PDB file of N, CA and C in Angstrom:
ATOM      1  N   MET A   1       0.919 -28.125   0.647  1.00  0.00           N
ATOM      2  CA  MET A   1       0.219 -27.111  -0.112  1.00  0.00           C
ATOM      3  C   MET A   1       0.580 -25.735   0.446  1.00  0.00           C
ATOM      4  N   LEU A   2       0.698 -24.772  -0.450  1.00  0.00           N
ATOM      5  CA  LEU A   2       0.938 -23.386  -0.080  1.00  0.00           C
ATOM      6  C   LEU A   2      -0.273 -22.550  -0.462  1.00  0.00           C
ATOM      7  N   ILE A   3      -0.577 -21.556   0.369  1.00  0.00           N
ATOM      8  CA  ILE A   3      -1.676 -20.645   0.065  1.00  0.00           C
ATOM      9  C   ILE A   3      -1.212 -19.211   0.273  1.00  0.00           C
ATOM     10  N   GLN A   4      -1.903 -18.272  -0.357  1.00  0.00           N
ATOM     11  CA  GLN A   4      -1.590 -16.853  -0.165  1.00  0.00           C
ATOM     12  C   GLN A   4      -2.535 -16.265   0.871  1.00  0.00           C
ATOM     13  N   VAL A   5      -1.950 -15.495   1.799  1.00  0.00           N
ATOM     14  CA  VAL A   5      -2.731 -14.819   2.830  1.00  0.00           C
ATOM     15  C   VAL A   5      -2.315 -13.354   2.889  1.00  0.00           C
ATOM     16  N   VAL A   6      -3.175 -12.524   3.453  1.00  0.00           N
ATOM     17  CA  VAL A   6      -2.843 -11.116   3.640  1.00  0.00           C
ATOM     18  C   VAL A   6      -1.670 -11.014   4.602  1.00  0.00           C
ATOM     19  N   LYS A   7      -0.607 -10.342   4.186  1.00  0.00           N
ATOM     20  CA  LYS A   7       0.563 -10.120   5.032  1.00  0.00           C
ATOM     21  C   LYS A   7       0.492  -8.752   5.692  1.00  0.00           C
ATOM     22  N   SER A   8       0.083  -7.759   4.907  1.00  0.00           N
ATOM     23  CA  SER A   8       0.072  -6.376   5.366  1.00  0.00           C
ATOM     24  C   SER A   8      -1.104  -5.641   4.739  1.00  0.00           C
ATOM     25  N   LYS A   9      -1.653  -4.703   5.515  1.00  0.00           N
ATOM     26  CA  LYS A   9      -2.736  -3.884   4.966  1.00  0.00           C
ATOM     27  C   LYS A   9      -2.643  -2.490   5.568  1.00  0.00           C
ATOM     28  N   ILE A  10      -2.637  -1.499   4.689  1.00  0.00           N
ATOM     29  CA  ILE A  10      -2.771  -0.098   5.102  1.00  0.00           C
ATOM     30  C   ILE A  10      -4.155   0.320   4.631  1.00  0.00           C
ATOM     31  N   HIS A  11      -5.030   0.598   5.601  1.00  0.00           N
ATOM     32  CA  HIS A  11      -6.449   0.779   5.323  1.00  0.00           C
ATOM     33  C   HIS A  11      -6.825   2.255   5.246  1.00  0.00           C
ATOM     34  N   ARG A  12      -7.376   2.656   4.108  1.00  0.00           N
ATOM     35  CA  ARG A  12      -7.959   3.983   3.888  1.00  0.00           C
ATOM     36  C   ARG A  12      -6.944   5.117   4.045  1.00  0.00           C
ATOM     37  N   VAL A  13      -6.053   5.199   3.072  1.00  0.00           N
ATOM     38  CA  VAL A  13      -5.163   6.353   2.960  1.00  0.00           C
ATOM     39  C   VAL A  13      -5.554   7.121   1.713  1.00  0.00           C
ATOM     40  N   LYS A  14      -5.267   8.410   1.731  1.00  0.00           N
ATOM     41  CA  LYS A  14      -5.605   9.257   0.589  1.00  0.00           C
ATOM     42  C   LYS A  14      -4.396   9.453  -0.316  1.00  0.00           C
ATOM     43  N   VAL A  15      -4.655   9.454  -1.617  1.00  0.00           N
ATOM     44  CA  VAL A  15      -3.617   9.727  -2.602  1.00  0.00           C
ATOM     45  C   VAL A  15      -3.166  11.170  -2.446  1.00  0.00           C
ATOM     46  N   THR A  16      -1.861  11.369  -2.306  1.00  0.00           N
ATOM     47  CA  THR A  16      -1.307  12.721  -2.182  1.00  0.00           C
ATOM     48  C   THR A  16      -0.617  13.183  -3.461  1.00  0.00           C
ATOM     49  N   GLY A  17      -0.353  12.239  -4.378  1.00  0.00           N
ATOM     50  CA  GLY A  17       0.320  12.620  -5.612  1.00  0.00           C
ATOM     51  C   GLY A  17       0.148  11.575  -6.696  1.00  0.00           C
ATOM     52  N   ALA A  18       0.326  12.015  -7.941  1.00  0.00           N
ATOM     53  CA  ALA A  18       0.283  11.138  -9.110  1.00  0.00           C
ATOM     54  C   ALA A  18       1.319  11.671 -10.091  1.00  0.00           C
ATOM     55  N   ASP A  19       2.376  10.900 -10.328  1.00  0.00           N
ATOM     56  CA  ASP A  19       3.519  11.359 -11.116  1.00  0.00           C
ATOM     57  C   ASP A  19       3.687  10.488 -12.358  1.00  0.00           C
ATOM     58  N   LEU A  20       3.110  10.942 -13.474  1.00  0.00           N
ATOM     59  CA  LEU A  20       3.181  10.177 -14.726  1.00  0.00           C
ATOM     60  C   LEU A  20       4.600  10.008 -15.236  1.00  0.00           C
ATOM     61  N   ASP A  21       5.488  10.931 -14.938  1.00  0.00           N
ATOM     62  CA  ASP A  21       6.823  10.916 -15.505  1.00  0.00           C
ATOM     63  C   ASP A  21       7.820  10.060 -14.732  1.00  0.00           C
ATOM     64  N   TYR A  22       7.375   9.435 -13.638  1.00  0.00           N
ATOM     65  CA  TYR A  22       8.251   8.547 -12.886  1.00  0.00           C
ATOM     66  C   TYR A  22       8.191   7.162 -13.523  1.00  0.00           C
ATOM     67  N   ILE A  23       9.174   6.309 -13.245  1.00  0.00           N
ATOM     68  CA  ILE A  23       9.270   5.020 -13.949  1.00  0.00           C
ATOM     69  C   ILE A  23       8.301   3.951 -13.466  1.00  0.00           C
ATOM     70  N   GLY A  24       7.533   4.202 -12.454  1.00  0.00           N
ATOM     71  CA  GLY A  24       6.560   3.228 -11.973  1.00  0.00           C
ATOM     72  C   GLY A  24       6.606   3.114 -10.465  1.00  0.00           C
ATOM     73  N   SER A  25       5.669   2.422  -9.888  1.00  0.00           N
ATOM     74  CA  SER A  25       5.630   2.106  -8.461  1.00  0.00           C
ATOM     75  C   SER A  25       4.642   2.966  -7.696  1.00  0.00           C
ATOM     76  N   ILE A  26       4.645   2.760  -6.383  1.00  0.00           N
ATOM     77  CA  ILE A  26       3.899   3.604  -5.458  1.00  0.00           C
ATOM     78  C   ILE A  26       4.865   4.043  -4.371  1.00  0.00           C
ATOM     79  N   THR A  27       4.854   5.314  -4.060  1.00  0.00           N
ATOM     80  CA  THR A  27       5.674   5.857  -2.982  1.00  0.00           C
ATOM     81  C   THR A  27       4.808   5.936  -1.738  1.00  0.00           C
ATOM     82  N   ILE A  28       5.299   5.325  -0.644  1.00  0.00           N
ATOM     83  CA  ILE A  28       4.558   5.276   0.617  1.00  0.00           C
ATOM     84  C   ILE A  28       5.448   5.795   1.734  1.00  0.00           C
ATOM     85  N   ASP A  29       4.906   6.676   2.568  1.00  0.00           N
ATOM     86  CA  ASP A  29       5.594   7.165   3.769  1.00  0.00           C
ATOM     87  C   ASP A  29       6.251   5.967   4.462  1.00  0.00           C
ATOM     88  N   GLU A  30       7.557   6.069   4.706  1.00  0.00           N
ATOM     89  CA  GLU A  30       8.299   4.942   5.271  1.00  0.00           C
ATOM     90  C   GLU A  30       7.809   4.547   6.667  1.00  0.00           C
ATOM     91  N   ASP A  31       7.238   5.481   7.414  1.00  0.00           N
ATOM     92  CA  ASP A  31       6.657   5.119   8.715  1.00  0.00           C
ATOM     93  C   ASP A  31       5.478   4.151   8.529  1.00  0.00           C
ATOM     94  N   LEU A  32       4.660   4.397   7.509  1.00  0.00           N
ATOM     95  CA  LEU A  32       3.550   3.485   7.214  1.00  0.00           C
ATOM     96  C   LEU A  32       4.073   2.128   6.764  1.00  0.00           C
ATOM     97  N   MET A  33       5.122   2.143   5.943  1.00  0.00           N
ATOM     98  CA  MET A  33       5.723   0.880   5.493  1.00  0.00           C
ATOM     99  C   MET A  33       6.198   0.064   6.689  1.00  0.00           C
ATOM    100  N   ASP A  34       6.919   0.700   7.609  1.00  0.00           N
ATOM    101  CA  ASP A  34       7.431  -0.009   8.784  1.00  0.00           C
ATOM    102  C   ASP A  34       6.288  -0.575   9.622  1.00  0.00           C
ATOM    103  N   ALA A  35       5.263   0.233   9.852  1.00  0.00           N
ATOM    104  CA  ALA A  35       4.136  -0.205  10.679  1.00  0.00           C
ATOM    105  C   ALA A  35       3.415  -1.399  10.058  1.00  0.00           C
ATOM    106  N   ALA A  36       3.383  -1.449   8.733  1.00  0.00           N
ATOM    107  CA  ALA A  36       2.693  -2.524   8.026  1.00  0.00           C
ATOM    108  C   ALA A  36       3.630  -3.662   7.612  1.00  0.00           C
ATOM    109  N   ASN A  37       4.900  -3.567   7.999  1.00  0.00           N
ATOM    110  CA  ASN A  37       5.875  -4.618   7.661  1.00  0.00           C
ATOM    111  C   ASN A  37       5.995  -4.794   6.147  1.00  0.00           C
ATOM    112  N   ILE A  38       6.056  -3.669   5.430  1.00  0.00           N
ATOM    113  CA  ILE A  38       6.226  -3.671   3.978  1.00  0.00           C
ATOM    114  C   ILE A  38       7.641  -3.207   3.687  1.00  0.00           C
ATOM    115  N   ILE A  39       8.315  -3.893   2.749  1.00  0.00           N
ATOM    116  CA  ILE A  39       9.700  -3.529   2.445  1.00  0.00           C
ATOM    117  C   ILE A  39       9.813  -2.923   1.042  1.00  0.00           C
ATOM    118  N   ARG A  40      10.897  -2.189   0.860  1.00  0.00           N
ATOM    119  CA  ARG A  40      11.209  -1.573  -0.442  1.00  0.00           C
ATOM    120  C   ARG A  40      11.176  -2.646  -1.533  1.00  0.00           C
ATOM    121  N   GLY A  41      10.498  -2.340  -2.615  1.00  0.00           N
ATOM    122  CA  GLY A  41      10.443  -3.247  -3.756  1.00  0.00           C
ATOM    123  C   GLY A  41       9.395  -4.332  -3.665  1.00  0.00           C
ATOM    124  N   GLU A  42       8.681  -4.408  -2.550  1.00  0.00           N
ATOM    125  CA  GLU A  42       7.681  -5.464  -2.382  1.00  0.00           C
ATOM    126  C   GLU A  42       6.487  -5.228  -3.317  1.00  0.00           C
ATOM    127  N   LYS A  43       5.958  -6.316  -3.843  1.00  0.00           N
ATOM    128  CA  LYS A  43       4.757  -6.249  -4.674  1.00  0.00           C
ATOM    129  C   LYS A  43       3.570  -5.881  -3.791  1.00  0.00           C
ATOM    130  N   ILE A  44       2.718  -4.983  -4.306  1.00  0.00           N
ATOM    131  CA  ILE A  44       1.571  -4.509  -3.524  1.00  0.00           C
ATOM    132  C   ILE A  44       0.346  -4.382  -4.418  1.00  0.00           C
ATOM    133  N   GLN A  45      -0.799  -4.689  -3.844  1.00  0.00           N
ATOM    134  CA  GLN A  45      -2.073  -4.482  -4.532  1.00  0.00           C
ATOM    135  C   GLN A  45      -2.647  -3.153  -4.054  1.00  0.00           C
ATOM    136  N   VAL A  46      -3.047  -2.336  -4.994  1.00  0.00           N
ATOM    137  CA  VAL A  46      -3.643  -1.040  -4.706  1.00  0.00           C
ATOM    138  C   VAL A  46      -5.121  -1.125  -5.069  1.00  0.00           C
ATOM    139  N   VAL A  47      -5.981  -0.927  -4.080  1.00  0.00           N
ATOM    140  CA  VAL A  47      -7.428  -0.970  -4.283  1.00  0.00           C
ATOM    141  C   VAL A  47      -7.957   0.450  -4.091  1.00  0.00           C
ATOM    142  N   ASN A  48      -8.528   1.013  -5.129  1.00  0.00           N
ATOM    143  CA  ASN A  48      -9.029   2.385  -5.069  1.00  0.00           C
ATOM    144  C   ASN A  48     -10.508   2.344  -4.682  1.00  0.00           C
ATOM    145  N   ASN A  49     -10.803   2.716  -3.437  1.00  0.00           N
ATOM    146  CA  ASN A  49     -12.191   2.729  -2.963  1.00  0.00           C
ATOM    147  C   ASN A  49     -13.020   3.802  -3.664  1.00  0.00           C
ATOM    148  N   THR A  50     -12.391   4.825  -4.157  1.00  0.00           N
ATOM    149  CA  THR A  50     -13.110   5.935  -4.770  1.00  0.00           C
ATOM    150  C   THR A  50     -13.658   5.582  -6.149  1.00  0.00           C
ATOM    151  N   ASN A  51     -12.834   4.919  -6.975  1.00  0.00           N
ATOM    152  CA  ASN A  51     -13.289   4.650  -8.343  1.00  0.00           C
ATOM    153  C   ASN A  51     -13.337   3.173  -8.715  1.00  0.00           C
ATOM    154  N   GLY A  52     -12.979   2.278  -7.795  1.00  0.00           N
ATOM    155  CA  GLY A  52     -13.068   0.847  -8.054  1.00  0.00           C
ATOM    156  C   GLY A  52     -11.880   0.229  -8.771  1.00  0.00           C
ATOM    157  N   GLU A  53     -10.894   1.030  -9.159  1.00  0.00           N
ATOM    158  CA  GLU A  53      -9.708   0.498  -9.843  1.00  0.00           C
ATOM    159  C   GLU A  53      -8.891  -0.379  -8.904  1.00  0.00           C
ATOM    160  N   ARG A  54      -8.251  -1.383  -9.466  1.00  0.00           N
ATOM    161  CA  ARG A  54      -7.304  -2.236  -8.746  1.00  0.00           C
ATOM    162  C   ARG A  54      -6.076  -2.394  -9.629  1.00  0.00           C
ATOM    163  N   LEU A  55      -4.909  -2.373  -9.001  1.00  0.00           N
ATOM    164  CA  LEU A  55      -3.682  -2.575  -9.750  1.00  0.00           C
ATOM    165  C   LEU A  55      -2.613  -3.143  -8.833  1.00  0.00           C
ATOM    166  N   GLU A  56      -1.575  -3.678  -9.431  1.00  0.00           N
ATOM    167  CA  GLU A  56      -0.428  -4.161  -8.695  1.00  0.00           C
ATOM    168  C   GLU A  56       0.804  -3.410  -9.161  1.00  0.00           C
ATOM    169  N   THR A  57       1.685  -3.115  -8.220  1.00  0.00           N
ATOM    170  CA  THR A  57       2.937  -2.441  -8.514  1.00  0.00           C
ATOM    171  C   THR A  57       3.920  -2.819  -7.420  1.00  0.00           C
ATOM    172  N   TYR A  58       4.984  -2.038  -7.274  1.00  0.00           N
ATOM    173  CA  TYR A  58       5.954  -2.291  -6.218  1.00  0.00           C
ATOM    174  C   TYR A  58       6.148  -1.023  -5.407  1.00  0.00           C
ATOM    175  N   VAL A  59       6.683  -1.178  -4.201  1.00  0.00           N
ATOM    176  CA  VAL A  59       6.748  -0.085  -3.230  1.00  0.00           C
ATOM    177  C   VAL A  59       8.127   0.569  -3.213  1.00  0.00           C
ATOM    178  N   ILE A  60       8.127   1.906  -3.149  1.00  0.00           N
ATOM    179  CA  ILE A  60       9.356   2.643  -2.816  1.00  0.00           C
ATOM    180  C   ILE A  60       9.040   3.538  -1.617  1.00  0.00           C
ATOM    181  N   PRO A  61      10.024   3.711  -0.726  1.00  0.00           N
ATOM    182  CA  PRO A  61       9.771   4.500   0.481  1.00  0.00           C
ATOM    183  C   PRO A  61       9.748   5.997   0.198  1.00  0.00           C
ATOM    184  N   GLY A  62       8.818   6.667   0.881  1.00  0.00           N
ATOM    185  CA  GLY A  62       8.739   8.122   0.841  1.00  0.00           C
ATOM    186  C   GLY A  62       9.214   8.696   2.170  1.00  0.00           C
ATOM    187  N   PRO A  63       9.335   9.991   2.253  1.00  0.00           N
ATOM    188  CA  PRO A  63       9.806  10.636   3.481  1.00  0.00           C
ATOM    189  C   PRO A  63       8.943  10.271   4.687  1.00  0.00           C
ATOM    190  N   ARG A  64       9.616  10.038   5.803  1.00  0.00           N
ATOM    191  CA  ARG A  64       8.919   9.708   7.053  1.00  0.00           C
ATOM    192  C   ARG A  64       8.073  10.898   7.518  1.00  0.00           C
ATOM    193  N   GLN A  65       6.953  10.581   8.145  1.00  0.00           N
ATOM    194  CA  GLN A  65       6.013  11.555   8.706  1.00  0.00           C
ATOM    195  C   GLN A  65       5.486  12.543   7.665  1.00  0.00           C
ATOM    196  N   SER A  66       5.506  12.103   6.399  1.00  0.00           N
ATOM    197  CA  SER A  66       5.000  12.956   5.319  1.00  0.00           C
ATOM    198  C   SER A  66       3.564  12.609   4.947  1.00  0.00           C
ATOM    199  N   GLY A  67       3.146  11.376   5.238  1.00  0.00           N
ATOM    200  CA  GLY A  67       1.838  10.918   4.793  1.00  0.00           C
ATOM    201  C   GLY A  67       1.760  10.691   3.293  1.00  0.00           C
ATOM    202  N   GLU A  68       2.927  10.662   2.633  1.00  0.00           N
ATOM    203  CA  GLU A  68       2.932  10.558   1.175  1.00  0.00           C
ATOM    204  C   GLU A  68       2.401   9.211   0.685  1.00  0.00           C
ATOM    205  N   ILE A  69       1.494   9.298  -0.274  1.00  0.00           N
ATOM    206  CA  ILE A  69       0.991   8.153  -1.035  1.00  0.00           C
ATOM    207  C   ILE A  69       0.910   8.634  -2.483  1.00  0.00           C
ATOM    208  N   THR A  70       1.938   8.332  -3.272  1.00  0.00           N
ATOM    209  CA  THR A  70       2.011   8.808  -4.649  1.00  0.00           C
ATOM    210  C   THR A  70       2.071   7.633  -5.606  1.00  0.00           C
ATOM    211  N   LEU A  71       1.162   7.614  -6.575  1.00  0.00           N
ATOM    212  CA  LEU A  71       1.203   6.614  -7.642  1.00  0.00           C
ATOM    213  C   LEU A  71       2.071   7.172  -8.755  1.00  0.00           C
ATOM    214  N   ASN A  72       2.993   6.343  -9.227  1.00  0.00           N
ATOM    215  CA  ASN A  72       3.980   6.769 -10.214  1.00  0.00           C
ATOM    216  C   ASN A  72       3.816   6.026 -11.531  1.00  0.00           C
ATOM    217  N   GLY A  73       4.233   6.654 -12.611  1.00  0.00           N
ATOM    218  CA  GLY A  73       4.181   6.024 -13.919  1.00  0.00           C
ATOM    219  C   GLY A  73       2.754   5.814 -14.383  1.00  0.00           C
ATOM    220  N   ALA A  74       2.534   4.741 -15.130  1.00  0.00           N
ATOM    221  CA  ALA A  74       1.215   4.477 -15.717  1.00  0.00           C
ATOM    222  C   ALA A  74       0.117   4.383 -14.661  1.00  0.00           C
ATOM    223  N   ALA A  75       0.462   3.912 -13.449  1.00  0.00           N
ATOM    224  CA  ALA A  75      -0.535   3.784 -12.379  1.00  0.00           C
ATOM    225  C   ALA A  75      -1.143   5.130 -12.002  1.00  0.00           C
ATOM    226  N   ALA A  76      -0.441   6.207 -12.292  1.00  0.00           N
ATOM    227  CA  ALA A  76      -0.954   7.546 -11.984  1.00  0.00           C
ATOM    228  C   ALA A  76      -2.257   7.836 -12.733  1.00  0.00           C
ATOM    229  N   HIS A  77      -2.463   7.146 -13.861  1.00  0.00           N
ATOM    230  CA  HIS A  77      -3.712   7.318 -14.613  1.00  0.00           C
ATOM    231  C   HIS A  77      -4.917   6.753 -13.875  1.00  0.00           C
ATOM    232  N   LYS A  78      -4.686   5.883 -12.890  1.00  0.00           N
ATOM    233  CA  LYS A  78      -5.760   5.162 -12.198  1.00  0.00           C
ATOM    234  C   LYS A  78      -6.248   5.861 -10.940  1.00  0.00           C
ATOM    235  N   VAL A  79      -5.646   7.005 -10.596  1.00  0.00           N
ATOM    236  CA  VAL A  79      -6.009   7.708  -9.361  1.00  0.00           C
ATOM    237  C   VAL A  79      -6.140   9.204  -9.607  1.00  0.00           C
ATOM    238  N   THR A  80      -6.805   9.839  -8.668  1.00  0.00           N
ATOM    239  CA  THR A  80      -6.871  11.290  -8.579  1.00  0.00           C
ATOM    240  C   THR A  80      -6.451  11.648  -7.165  1.00  0.00           C
ATOM    241  N   ILE A  81      -5.738  12.742  -7.010  1.00  0.00           N
ATOM    242  CA  ILE A  81      -5.349  13.174  -5.671  1.00  0.00           C
ATOM    243  C   ILE A  81      -6.598  13.273  -4.807  1.00  0.00           C
ATOM    244  N   GLY A  82      -6.521  12.663  -3.618  1.00  0.00           N
ATOM    245  CA  GLY A  82      -7.657  12.625  -2.706  1.00  0.00           C
ATOM    246  C   GLY A  82      -8.419  11.315  -2.718  1.00  0.00           C
ATOM    247  N   ASP A  83      -8.197  10.463  -3.748  1.00  0.00           N
ATOM    248  CA  ASP A  83      -8.837   9.146  -3.761  1.00  0.00           C
ATOM    249  C   ASP A  83      -8.438   8.372  -2.512  1.00  0.00           C
ATOM    250  N   VAL A  84      -9.338   7.528  -2.033  1.00  0.00           N
ATOM    251  CA  VAL A  84      -9.088   6.701  -0.848  1.00  0.00           C
ATOM    252  C   VAL A  84      -8.670   5.307  -1.300  1.00  0.00           C
ATOM    253  N   LEU A  85      -7.519   4.844  -0.779  1.00  0.00           N
ATOM    254  CA  LEU A  85      -6.960   3.555  -1.166  1.00  0.00           C
ATOM    255  C   LEU A  85      -6.869   2.595   0.002  1.00  0.00           C
ATOM    256  N   ILE A  86      -6.874   1.310  -0.324  1.00  0.00           N
ATOM    257  CA  ILE A  86      -6.462   0.252   0.589  1.00  0.00           C
ATOM    258  C   ILE A  86      -5.259  -0.409  -0.082  1.00  0.00           C
ATOM    259  N   LEU A  87      -4.174  -0.570   0.674  1.00  0.00           N
ATOM    260  CA  LEU A  87      -2.935  -1.135   0.155  1.00  0.00           C
ATOM    261  C   LEU A  87      -2.706  -2.486   0.821  1.00  0.00           C
ATOM    262  N   ILE A  88      -2.507  -3.544   0.018  1.00  0.00           N
ATOM    263  CA  ILE A  88      -2.436  -4.901   0.549  1.00  0.00           C
ATOM    264  C   ILE A  88      -1.232  -5.638  -0.037  1.00  0.00           C
ATOM    265  N   THR A  89      -0.475  -6.325   0.840  1.00  0.00           N
ATOM    266  CA  THR A  89       0.548  -7.262   0.392  1.00  0.00           C
ATOM    267  C   THR A  89       0.160  -8.649   0.876  1.00  0.00           C
ATOM    268  N   TYR A  90       0.727  -9.651   0.218  1.00  0.00           N
ATOM    269  CA  TYR A  90       0.383 -11.040   0.512  1.00  0.00           C
ATOM    270  C   TYR A  90       1.647 -11.845   0.766  1.00  0.00           C
ATOM    271  N   ALA A  91       1.504 -12.950   1.506  1.00  0.00           N
ATOM    272  CA  ALA A  91       2.593 -13.888   1.740  1.00  0.00           C
ATOM    273  C   ALA A  91       2.122 -15.279   1.334  1.00  0.00           C
ATOM    274  N   THR A  92       3.052 -16.087   0.888  1.00  0.00           N
ATOM    275  CA  THR A  92       2.761 -17.473   0.551  1.00  0.00           C
ATOM    276  C   THR A  92       3.254 -18.342   1.699  1.00  0.00           C
ATOM    277  N   LEU A  93       2.325 -19.056   2.325  1.00  0.00           N
ATOM    278  CA  LEU A  93       2.632 -19.846   3.514  1.00  0.00           C
ATOM    279  C   LEU A  93       2.034 -21.245   3.383  1.00  0.00           C
ATOM    280  N   SER A  94       2.570 -22.153   4.186  1.00  0.00           N
ATOM    281  CA  SER A  94       1.928 -23.461   4.281  1.00  0.00           C
ATOM    282  C   SER A  94       0.596 -23.265   5.016  1.00  0.00           C
ATOM    283  N   VAL A  95      -0.304 -24.210   4.888  1.00  0.00           N
ATOM    284  CA  VAL A  95      -1.595 -24.113   5.556  1.00  0.00           C
ATOM    285  C   VAL A  95      -1.395 -24.001   7.068  1.00  0.00           C
ATOM    286  N   ASP A  96      -0.483 -24.784   7.627  1.00  0.00           N
ATOM    287  CA  ASP A  96      -0.234 -24.728   9.068  1.00  0.00           C
ATOM    288  C   ASP A  96       0.312 -23.367   9.491  1.00  0.00           C
ATOM    289  N   GLU A  97       1.241 -22.805   8.703  1.00  0.00           N
ATOM    290  CA  GLU A  97       1.762 -21.471   9.006  1.00  0.00           C
ATOM    291  C   GLU A  97       0.650 -20.418   8.911  1.00  0.00           C
ATOM    292  N   ALA A  98      -0.172 -20.541   7.884  1.00  0.00           N
ATOM    293  CA  ALA A  98      -1.241 -19.564   7.645  1.00  0.00           C
ATOM    294  C   ALA A  98      -2.249 -19.538   8.785  1.00  0.00           C
ATOM    295  N   LYS A  99      -2.484 -20.685   9.413  1.00  0.00           N
ATOM    296  CA  LYS A  99      -3.467 -20.758  10.497  1.00  0.00           C
ATOM    297  C   LYS A  99      -3.056 -19.940  11.712  1.00  0.00           C
ATOM    298  N   VAL A 100      -1.771 -19.719  11.905  1.00  0.00           N
ATOM    299  CA  VAL A 100      -1.307 -18.976  13.086  1.00  0.00           C
ATOM    300  C   VAL A 100      -0.711 -17.613  12.728  1.00  0.00           C
ATOM    301  N   PHE A 101      -0.567 -17.339  11.452  1.00  0.00           N
ATOM    302  CA  PHE A 101       0.041 -16.072  11.023  1.00  0.00           C
ATOM    303  C   PHE A 101      -0.865 -14.889  11.356  1.00  0.00           C
ATOM    304  N   GLN A 102      -0.263 -13.795  11.821  1.00  0.00           N
ATOM    305  CA  GLN A 102      -0.994 -12.565  12.124  1.00  0.00           C
ATOM    306  C   GLN A 102      -0.514 -11.450  11.186  1.00  0.00           C
ATOM    307  N   PRO A 103      -1.375 -10.947  10.319  1.00  0.00           N
ATOM    308  CA  PRO A 103      -0.965  -9.874   9.416  1.00  0.00           C
ATOM    309  C   PRO A 103      -0.773  -8.551  10.167  1.00  0.00           C
ATOM    310  N   ALA A 104      -0.015  -7.653   9.564  1.00  0.00           N
ATOM    311  CA  ALA A 104       0.152  -6.297  10.096  1.00  0.00           C
ATOM    312  C   ALA A 104      -0.938  -5.431   9.465  1.00  0.00           C
ATOM    313  N   LEU A 105      -1.867  -4.960  10.277  1.00  0.00           N
ATOM    314  CA  LEU A 105      -2.976  -4.129   9.811  1.00  0.00           C
ATOM    315  C   LEU A 105      -2.799  -2.728  10.370  1.00  0.00           C
ATOM    316  N   VAL A 106      -2.780  -1.735   9.491  1.00  0.00           N
ATOM    317  CA  VAL A 106      -2.521  -0.356   9.893  1.00  0.00           C
ATOM    318  C   VAL A 106      -3.710   0.507   9.481  1.00  0.00           C
ATOM    319  N   PHE A 107      -4.173   1.319  10.428  1.00  0.00           N
ATOM    320  CA  PHE A 107      -5.313   2.204  10.203  1.00  0.00           C
ATOM    321  C   PHE A 107      -4.873   3.641  10.486  1.00  0.00           C
ATOM    322  N   PRO A 108      -4.243   4.298   9.502  1.00  0.00           N
ATOM    323  CA  PRO A 108      -3.744   5.661   9.719  1.00  0.00           C
ATOM    324  C   PRO A 108      -4.880   6.670   9.865  1.00  0.00           C
ATOM    325  N   ASP A 109      -4.527   7.854  10.306  1.00  0.00           N
ATOM    326  CA  ASP A 109      -5.463   8.969  10.355  1.00  0.00           C
ATOM    327  C   ASP A 109      -5.909   9.259   8.921  1.00  0.00           C
ATOM    328  N   GLU A 110      -7.205   9.239   8.678  1.00  0.00           N
ATOM    329  CA  GLU A 110      -7.707   9.396   7.304  1.00  0.00           C
ATOM    330  C   GLU A 110      -7.504  10.798   6.742  1.00  0.00           C
ATOM    331  N   ALA A 111      -7.351  11.775   7.590  1.00  0.00           N
ATOM    332  CA  ALA A 111      -7.161  13.149   7.102  1.00  0.00           C
ATOM    333  C   ALA A 111      -5.715  13.419   6.707  1.00  0.00           C
ATOM    334  N   THR A 112      -4.760  12.766   7.404  1.00  0.00           N
ATOM    335  CA  THR A 112      -3.334  13.082   7.203  1.00  0.00           C
ATOM    336  C   THR A 112      -2.494  11.936   6.675  1.00  0.00           C
ATOM    337  N   ASN A 113      -3.028  10.721   6.684  1.00  0.00           N
ATOM    338  CA  ASN A 113      -2.286   9.494   6.348  1.00  0.00           C
ATOM    339  C   ASN A 113      -1.190   9.172   7.362  1.00  0.00           C
ATOM    340  N   LEU A 114      -1.144   9.863   8.470  1.00  0.00           N
ATOM    341  CA  LEU A 114      -0.112   9.619   9.475  1.00  0.00           C
ATOM    342  C   LEU A 114      -0.587   8.586  10.479  1.00  0.00           C
ATOM    343  N   LEU A 115       0.367   7.914  11.117  1.00  0.00           N
ATOM    344  CA  LEU A 115       0.025   6.959  12.161  1.00  0.00           C
ATOM    345  C   LEU A 115      -0.637   7.686  13.309  1.00  0.00           C
ATOM    346  N   LYS A 116      -1.622   7.048  13.912  1.00  0.00           N
ATOM    347  CA  LYS A 116      -2.337   7.654  15.037  1.00  0.00           C
ATOM    348  C   LYS A 116      -1.540   7.502  16.311  1.00  0.00           C
TER     349      LYS A 116
END
């Protein structure tokens, strides 16, 4: 049997941009991606703590040390700059693998979105 478990979590980052004219995705500071073990193109769940919206999209890297968190395309309708998000990716593992797996949990500075 295979189950899904949390692979990566970036906890409480603020939206820095919303770009309706982009083709889709979420842009995340590449330093945050590395710290959370998230790769370009990976599927991600976006949980908006501010308004309760949830959506799934894919990740593209943003400039390092920028703190950028930009929702692109239609997803931009689901956020306002300054909204607080939790970003989560998942992995599919066997039950035995899942019992010992350790997710990458990142808690950036809430004011800047930068690593502490």
